[in-house]
């Protein structure tokens, strides 16, 4: 079955008022990598349909949504020391959410088996009531809630392999047993959360799994976890859909971290996850771009990841 791809030019209009690592050139690099490997003709480009505020509000407070909306059409500003906006940021953030919802629709309805969402701004640091860490709305969290509420899926598994802990996604699902959140991340590193002791609360106890890894961890460390603990966890949870917060900033050439994953390492991780998805949920995967700030490494990793999603890499 064909793999889907979601992208919109508005994502490149979100730009910092000064040089910033989370920049439009990131998506330009991803698209260039797809061209280099001849991927675009292999992918089904999915249309993005505007949705209503209700889906943002299924993961965020109205106060947070209005705070981001208030930046629309305004001069560049910062919502926290790392998280900027310009006149187009609100529209880009809403379109990023809509892109993920379009991906969920396509996978659940069987139009495609897997989708890669080339979106920005990224999302996994955005908590219920605040933007942080380059993120305005939590794209993958909204997508998981949408899958549960609109499509009535019973269980969604979110795998976050971005080098930074997905604190926002954890915050949103910390008491929710229907969404399992698993994060592998460098520790210590921004935002400073994500210890093994953080496992959920109340009904959600046991449905958060954090894997803090020391600087210098590379392919074999990640692969060992994926083949052993992650595989057993996904099989036990038996999700209806797997979603990936696909940050590529654990690559050895990324300037914002100190890990040693290679491009081939990311391909191996993707192959393991696609195998698990084939086993437990009919192969259904929605992958959403998060970090990755070394442009050459990002281009190669995203292309390798998508080739593995298609089964050709």
Protein backbone atom coordinates (compact mmCIF):
# COMPACT_ATOMS: atom_id res chain seq x y z
CA UNK A 1 0.00 0.00 0.00
CA UNK A 2 1.25 3.49 -0.86
CA UNK A 3 2.78 5.77 1.79
CA UNK A 4 1.34 9.24 2.23
CA UNK A 5 3.10 12.58 2.56
CA UNK A 6 1.76 15.87 3.92
CA UNK A 7 3.33 19.30 3.40
CA UNK A 8 2.22 22.89 2.81
CA UNK A 9 4.25 25.99 1.83
CA UNK A 10 2.81 27.95 4.76
CA UNK A 11 5.13 25.99 7.05
CA UNK A 12 8.06 27.89 5.54
CA UNK A 13 6.51 31.30 6.30
CA UNK A 14 6.99 30.71 10.03
CA UNK A 15 10.37 32.35 10.58
CA UNK A 16 12.21 33.82 13.56
CA UNK A 17 12.90 37.56 13.67
CA UNK A 18 16.60 36.65 13.95
CA UNK A 19 18.72 33.59 12.96
CA UNK A 20 17.33 30.53 14.73
CA UNK A 21 18.00 26.76 14.43
CA UNK A 22 14.29 26.00 13.88
CA UNK A 23 14.10 27.61 10.45
CA UNK A 24 12.34 27.16 7.07
CA UNK A 25 15.55 25.77 5.61
CA UNK A 26 14.86 22.60 7.59
CA UNK A 27 11.86 21.73 5.42
CA UNK A 28 13.69 22.81 2.29
CA UNK A 29 16.40 20.30 3.21
CA UNK A 30 13.81 17.54 3.73
CA UNK A 31 12.23 18.20 0.33
CA UNK A 32 15.65 18.31 -1.32
CA UNK A 33 16.50 14.95 0.24
CA UNK A 34 13.30 13.46 -1.17
CA UNK A 35 14.25 14.72 -4.64
CA UNK A 36 17.75 13.29 -4.35
CA UNK A 37 16.39 9.83 -3.58
CA UNK A 38 13.50 10.05 -6.06
CA UNK A 39 10.97 9.64 -3.28
CA UNK A 40 8.27 12.14 -4.27
CA UNK A 41 6.76 10.03 -7.10
CA UNK A 42 6.46 7.11 -4.68
CA UNK A 43 4.37 9.08 -2.18
CA UNK A 44 0.68 9.98 -2.20
CA UNK A 45 0.47 13.70 -1.47
CA UNK A 46 -2.51 14.15 0.83
CA UNK A 47 -4.73 17.26 0.77
CA UNK A 48 -5.04 19.24 4.00
CA UNK A 49 -8.57 20.24 4.97
CA UNK A 50 -9.02 23.06 7.51
CA UNK A 51 -10.53 21.83 10.76
CA UNK A 52 -12.16 23.58 13.66
CA UNK A 53 -10.69 24.87 16.90
CA UNK A 54 -12.25 21.96 18.77
CA UNK A 55 -9.34 19.69 17.90
CA UNK A 56 -6.73 22.10 19.21
CA UNK A 57 -8.84 22.40 22.35
CA UNK A 58 -8.86 18.63 22.85
CA UNK A 59 -5.20 18.95 23.92
CA UNK A 60 -4.75 22.64 24.86
CA UNK A 61 -6.57 25.19 26.95
CA UNK A 62 -8.50 27.99 25.27
CA UNK A 63 -6.17 30.50 26.93
CA UNK A 64 -3.18 28.92 25.21
CA UNK A 65 -4.89 28.80 21.82
CA UNK A 66 -5.91 32.45 22.08
CA UNK A 67 -2.40 33.44 23.15
CA UNK A 68 -1.00 31.94 19.96
CA UNK A 69 -3.85 33.32 17.84
CA UNK A 70 -3.08 36.83 19.12
CA UNK A 71 0.27 36.71 17.30
CA UNK A 72 -1.42 36.46 13.90
CA UNK A 73 -0.39 39.31 11.64
CA UNK A 74 1.89 40.82 14.26
CA UNK A 75 5.58 41.62 14.20
CA UNK A 76 8.02 38.97 15.37
CA UNK A 77 7.97 38.15 19.07
CA UNK A 78 8.82 35.36 21.52
CA UNK A 79 6.36 33.39 23.68
CA UNK A 80 9.27 32.06 25.72
CA UNK A 81 13.04 32.51 25.37
CA UNK A 82 13.20 29.84 22.62
CA UNK A 83 9.79 29.99 20.96
CA UNK A 84 9.22 32.71 18.42
CA UNK A 85 6.27 33.86 16.30
CA UNK A 86 5.83 36.08 13.30
CA UNK A 87 2.79 37.20 11.31
CA UNK A 88 2.36 33.71 9.77
CA UNK A 89 3.12 31.51 12.78
CA UNK A 90 -0.47 30.96 13.93
CA UNK A 91 -1.58 29.95 10.42
CA UNK A 92 1.42 27.63 10.07
CA UNK A 93 0.74 26.05 13.47
CA UNK A 94 -2.93 25.47 12.62
CA UNK A 95 -1.99 24.00 9.24
CA UNK A 96 0.51 21.69 10.94
CA UNK A 97 -2.29 20.40 13.16
CA UNK A 98 -4.57 19.98 10.15
CA UNK A 99 -1.82 18.08 8.32
CA UNK A 100 -1.55 15.52 11.11
CA UNK A 101 -5.34 15.14 11.25
CA UNK A 102 -5.37 14.55 7.47
CA UNK A 103 -2.71 11.88 7.97
CA UNK A 104 -4.73 10.16 10.68
CA UNK A 105 -7.84 10.24 8.46
CA UNK A 106 -5.97 8.69 5.55
CA UNK A 107 -4.42 5.90 7.61
CA UNK A 108 -7.54 5.01 9.59
CA UNK A 109 -9.72 5.01 6.46
CA UNK A 110 -7.22 2.81 4.64
CA UNK A 111 -6.28 5.23 1.85
CA UNK A 112 -2.64 4.69 2.80
CA UNK A 113 -0.91 2.52 5.37
CA UNK A 114 1.68 5.05 6.59
CA UNK A 115 2.15 8.81 6.38
CA UNK A 116 5.05 11.19 6.96
CA UNK A 117 4.06 14.72 7.98
CA UNK A 118 6.71 17.30 6.98
CA UNK A 119 5.43 20.05 9.25
CA UNK A 120 6.66 22.97 11.28
CA UNK A 121 6.54 24.48 13.81
CA UNK A 122 7.26 21.26 15.70
CA UNK A 123 5.03 20.30 18.60
CA UNK A 124 6.20 17.87 21.25
CA UNK A 125 7.30 20.48 23.84
CA UNK A 126 3.98 22.37 23.78
CA UNK A 127 2.08 21.67 27.00
CA UNK A 128 -1.62 22.12 27.66
CA UNK A 129 -1.28 25.78 28.54
CA UNK A 130 2.02 26.99 27.12
CA UNK A 131 4.28 27.09 24.11
CA UNK A 132 7.90 26.15 24.64
CA UNK A 133 10.97 24.70 22.96
CA UNK A 134 10.16 26.01 19.45
CA UNK A 135 6.65 24.46 19.68
CA UNK A 136 3.27 26.25 19.51
CA UNK A 137 0.65 23.49 19.32
CA UNK A 138 1.34 19.83 20.09
CA UNK A 139 0.68 18.35 16.67
CA UNK A 140 1.09 14.69 17.56
CA UNK A 141 -0.92 14.92 20.79
CA UNK A 142 -3.82 16.55 18.98
CA UNK A 143 -3.58 13.86 16.31
CA UNK A 144 -3.71 11.08 18.90
CA UNK A 145 -6.73 12.63 20.61
CA UNK A 146 -8.39 13.05 17.22
CA UNK A 147 -7.80 9.38 16.42
CA UNK A 148 -9.43 8.44 19.71
CA UNK A 149 -12.38 10.85 19.59
CA UNK A 150 -13.19 11.12 15.86
CA UNK A 151 -12.26 7.62 14.74
CA UNK A 152 -13.00 5.82 18.03
CA UNK A 153 -9.66 4.04 18.16
CA UNK A 154 -9.19 2.37 21.54
CA UNK A 155 -5.42 2.73 21.97
CA UNK A 156 -2.72 4.90 20.38
CA UNK A 157 1.01 4.46 20.96
CA UNK A 158 3.25 7.54 20.64
CA UNK A 159 6.95 6.86 20.18
CA UNK A 160 9.13 9.95 20.56
CA UNK A 161 12.76 9.49 19.47
CA UNK A 162 13.59 13.20 19.27
CA UNK A 163 16.79 13.86 21.25
CA UNK A 164 14.85 16.13 23.64
CA UNK A 165 12.21 14.74 26.00
CA UNK A 166 8.66 15.23 24.74
CA UNK A 167 7.50 16.94 27.92
CA UNK A 168 4.42 18.46 26.30
CA UNK A 169 3.10 15.14 25.00
CA UNK A 170 3.77 13.56 28.38
CA UNK A 171 1.94 16.42 30.12
CA UNK A 172 -1.15 15.99 27.96
CA UNK A 173 -1.43 12.20 28.38
CA UNK A 174 0.05 11.67 31.85
CA UNK A 175 -3.29 10.51 33.30
CA UNK A 176 -4.68 8.88 30.15
CA UNK A 177 -4.38 5.07 29.81
CA UNK A 178 -5.63 5.10 26.21
CA UNK A 179 -2.45 6.73 24.88
CA UNK A 180 0.91 5.16 25.70
CA UNK A 181 3.78 7.64 25.54
CA UNK A 182 7.37 6.42 25.15
CA UNK A 183 10.31 8.82 24.86
CA UNK A 184 13.99 8.11 24.25
CA UNK A 185 16.12 11.21 24.81
CA UNK A 186 19.52 12.48 25.84
CA UNK A 187 19.69 13.16 29.56
CA UNK A 188 20.60 15.58 30.96
CA UNK A 189 19.43 17.97 28.25
CA UNK A 190 16.63 20.47 27.65
CA UNK A 191 13.94 20.51 29.02
CA UNK A 192 15.32 18.53 31.98
CA UNK A 193 12.35 16.16 32.35
CA UNK A 194 11.91 12.53 31.37
CA UNK A 195 13.39 10.37 34.11
CA UNK A 196 12.55 6.69 34.49
CA UNK A 197 10.49 7.62 37.57
CA UNK A 198 7.98 9.52 35.43
CA UNK A 199 5.55 6.72 34.56
CA UNK A 200 2.11 8.35 34.62
CA UNK A 201 -0.40 9.29 37.27
CA UNK A 202 -3.79 8.02 38.36
CA UNK A 203 -5.45 6.00 35.61
CA UNK A 204 -2.42 6.73 33.45
CA UNK A 205 0.09 5.12 35.81
CA UNK A 206 2.27 2.73 33.80
CA UNK A 207 1.40 4.26 30.42
CA UNK A 208 4.41 6.56 30.21
CA UNK A 209 7.84 5.07 29.55
CA UNK A 210 10.89 7.33 29.60
CA UNK A 211 14.29 6.11 28.45
CA UNK A 212 16.89 8.75 29.38
CA UNK A 213 20.17 8.00 27.64
CA UNK A 214 23.65 9.39 28.30
CA UNK A 215 25.46 11.58 25.77
CA UNK A 216 27.30 9.51 23.20
CA UNK A 217 24.61 6.82 22.88
CA UNK A 218 24.46 5.46 19.35
CA UNK A 219 22.88 2.95 17.02
CA UNK A 220 23.38 -0.23 19.04
CA UNK A 221 21.98 1.30 22.25
CA UNK A 222 18.83 2.41 20.45
CA UNK A 223 18.42 -0.79 18.44
CA UNK A 224 18.82 -2.94 21.55
CA UNK A 225 16.02 -1.06 23.29
CA UNK A 226 13.77 -1.16 20.22
CA UNK A 227 14.22 -4.89 19.74
CA UNK A 228 13.72 -5.78 23.40
CA UNK A 229 11.80 -3.42 25.71
CA UNK A 230 9.98 -1.38 23.07
CA UNK A 231 8.83 -4.44 21.17
CA UNK A 232 7.50 -6.10 24.31
CA UNK A 233 5.78 -2.86 25.39
CA UNK A 234 4.03 -2.30 22.07
CA UNK A 235 2.89 -5.92 21.86
CA UNK A 236 1.53 -5.74 25.40
CA UNK A 237 -0.30 -2.45 24.80
CA UNK A 238 -1.59 -3.64 21.39
CA UNK A 239 -2.35 -0.22 19.88
CA UNK A 240 -4.66 0.48 16.96
CA UNK A 241 -2.22 3.10 15.64
CA UNK A 242 1.45 3.96 16.15
CA UNK A 243 2.48 7.60 15.92
CA UNK A 244 6.13 8.71 15.80
CA UNK A 245 7.50 12.03 16.99
CA UNK A 246 10.26 11.83 14.41
CA UNK A 247 13.00 14.17 15.53
CA UNK A 248 16.36 13.52 13.87
CA UNK A 249 18.47 15.58 16.28
CA UNK A 250 20.00 12.49 17.92
CA UNK A 251 22.14 12.23 14.77
CA UNK A 252 25.87 12.45 15.39
CA UNK A 253 26.10 15.61 13.22
CA UNK A 254 23.32 17.57 14.91
CA UNK A 255 24.53 20.82 16.50
CA UNK A 256 22.08 20.88 19.43
CA UNK A 257 22.87 17.54 21.09
CA UNK A 258 25.61 15.00 21.74
CA UNK A 259 24.32 11.64 20.53
CA UNK A 260 25.86 9.28 17.97
CA UNK A 261 22.97 7.89 15.93
CA UNK A 262 23.76 7.51 12.23
CA UNK A 263 21.48 7.87 9.24
CA UNK A 264 21.46 4.09 8.86
CA UNK A 265 20.62 3.86 12.56
CA UNK A 266 17.42 5.82 12.00
CA UNK A 267 16.59 3.54 9.08
CA UNK A 268 17.05 0.49 11.30
CA UNK A 269 14.78 1.99 13.97
CA UNK A 270 12.12 2.69 11.36
CA UNK A 271 12.27 -0.86 10.06
CA UNK A 272 11.78 -2.23 13.57
CA UNK A 273 8.75 -0.01 14.16
CA UNK A 274 7.19 -0.87 10.80
CA UNK A 275 7.60 -4.54 11.65
CA UNK A 276 5.91 -4.03 15.00
CA UNK A 277 3.12 -2.03 13.34
CA UNK A 278 2.56 -4.82 10.82
CA UNK A 279 2.29 -7.22 13.74
CA UNK A 280 -0.10 -5.29 16.02
CA UNK A 281 -2.07 -2.66 14.08
CA UNK A 282 -2.21 -3.53 10.41
CA UNK A 283 0.94 -1.53 9.68
CA UNK A 284 -0.68 1.82 10.50
CA UNK A 285 1.87 4.55 11.28
CA UNK A 286 1.65 8.34 11.30
CA UNK A 287 5.10 9.93 11.57
CA UNK A 288 5.39 13.63 12.42
CA UNK A 289 8.56 15.69 12.01
CA UNK A 290 9.92 17.23 15.20
CA UNK A 291 13.59 18.29 15.57
CA UNK A 292 16.73 17.95 13.48
CA UNK A 293 18.95 20.97 13.00
CA UNK A 294 21.94 19.83 10.96
CA UNK A 295 20.51 20.32 7.48
CA UNK A 296 22.50 17.65 5.63
CA UNK A 297 21.86 15.08 8.35
CA UNK A 298 18.17 16.01 8.50
CA UNK A 299 17.78 15.60 4.74
CA UNK A 300 19.46 12.18 4.75
CA UNK A 301 17.63 10.92 7.85
CA UNK A 302 14.18 12.03 6.73
CA UNK A 303 14.71 10.45 3.31
CA UNK A 304 15.96 7.21 4.86
CA UNK A 305 13.07 7.17 7.33
CA UNK A 306 10.48 7.62 4.58
CA UNK A 307 12.14 5.02 2.34
CA UNK A 308 11.87 2.58 5.24
CA UNK A 309 8.22 3.53 5.74
CA UNK A 310 7.57 2.71 2.08
CA UNK A 311 9.42 -0.58 2.42
CA UNK A 312 12.01 0.37 -0.21
CA UNK A 313 14.83 1.39 2.18
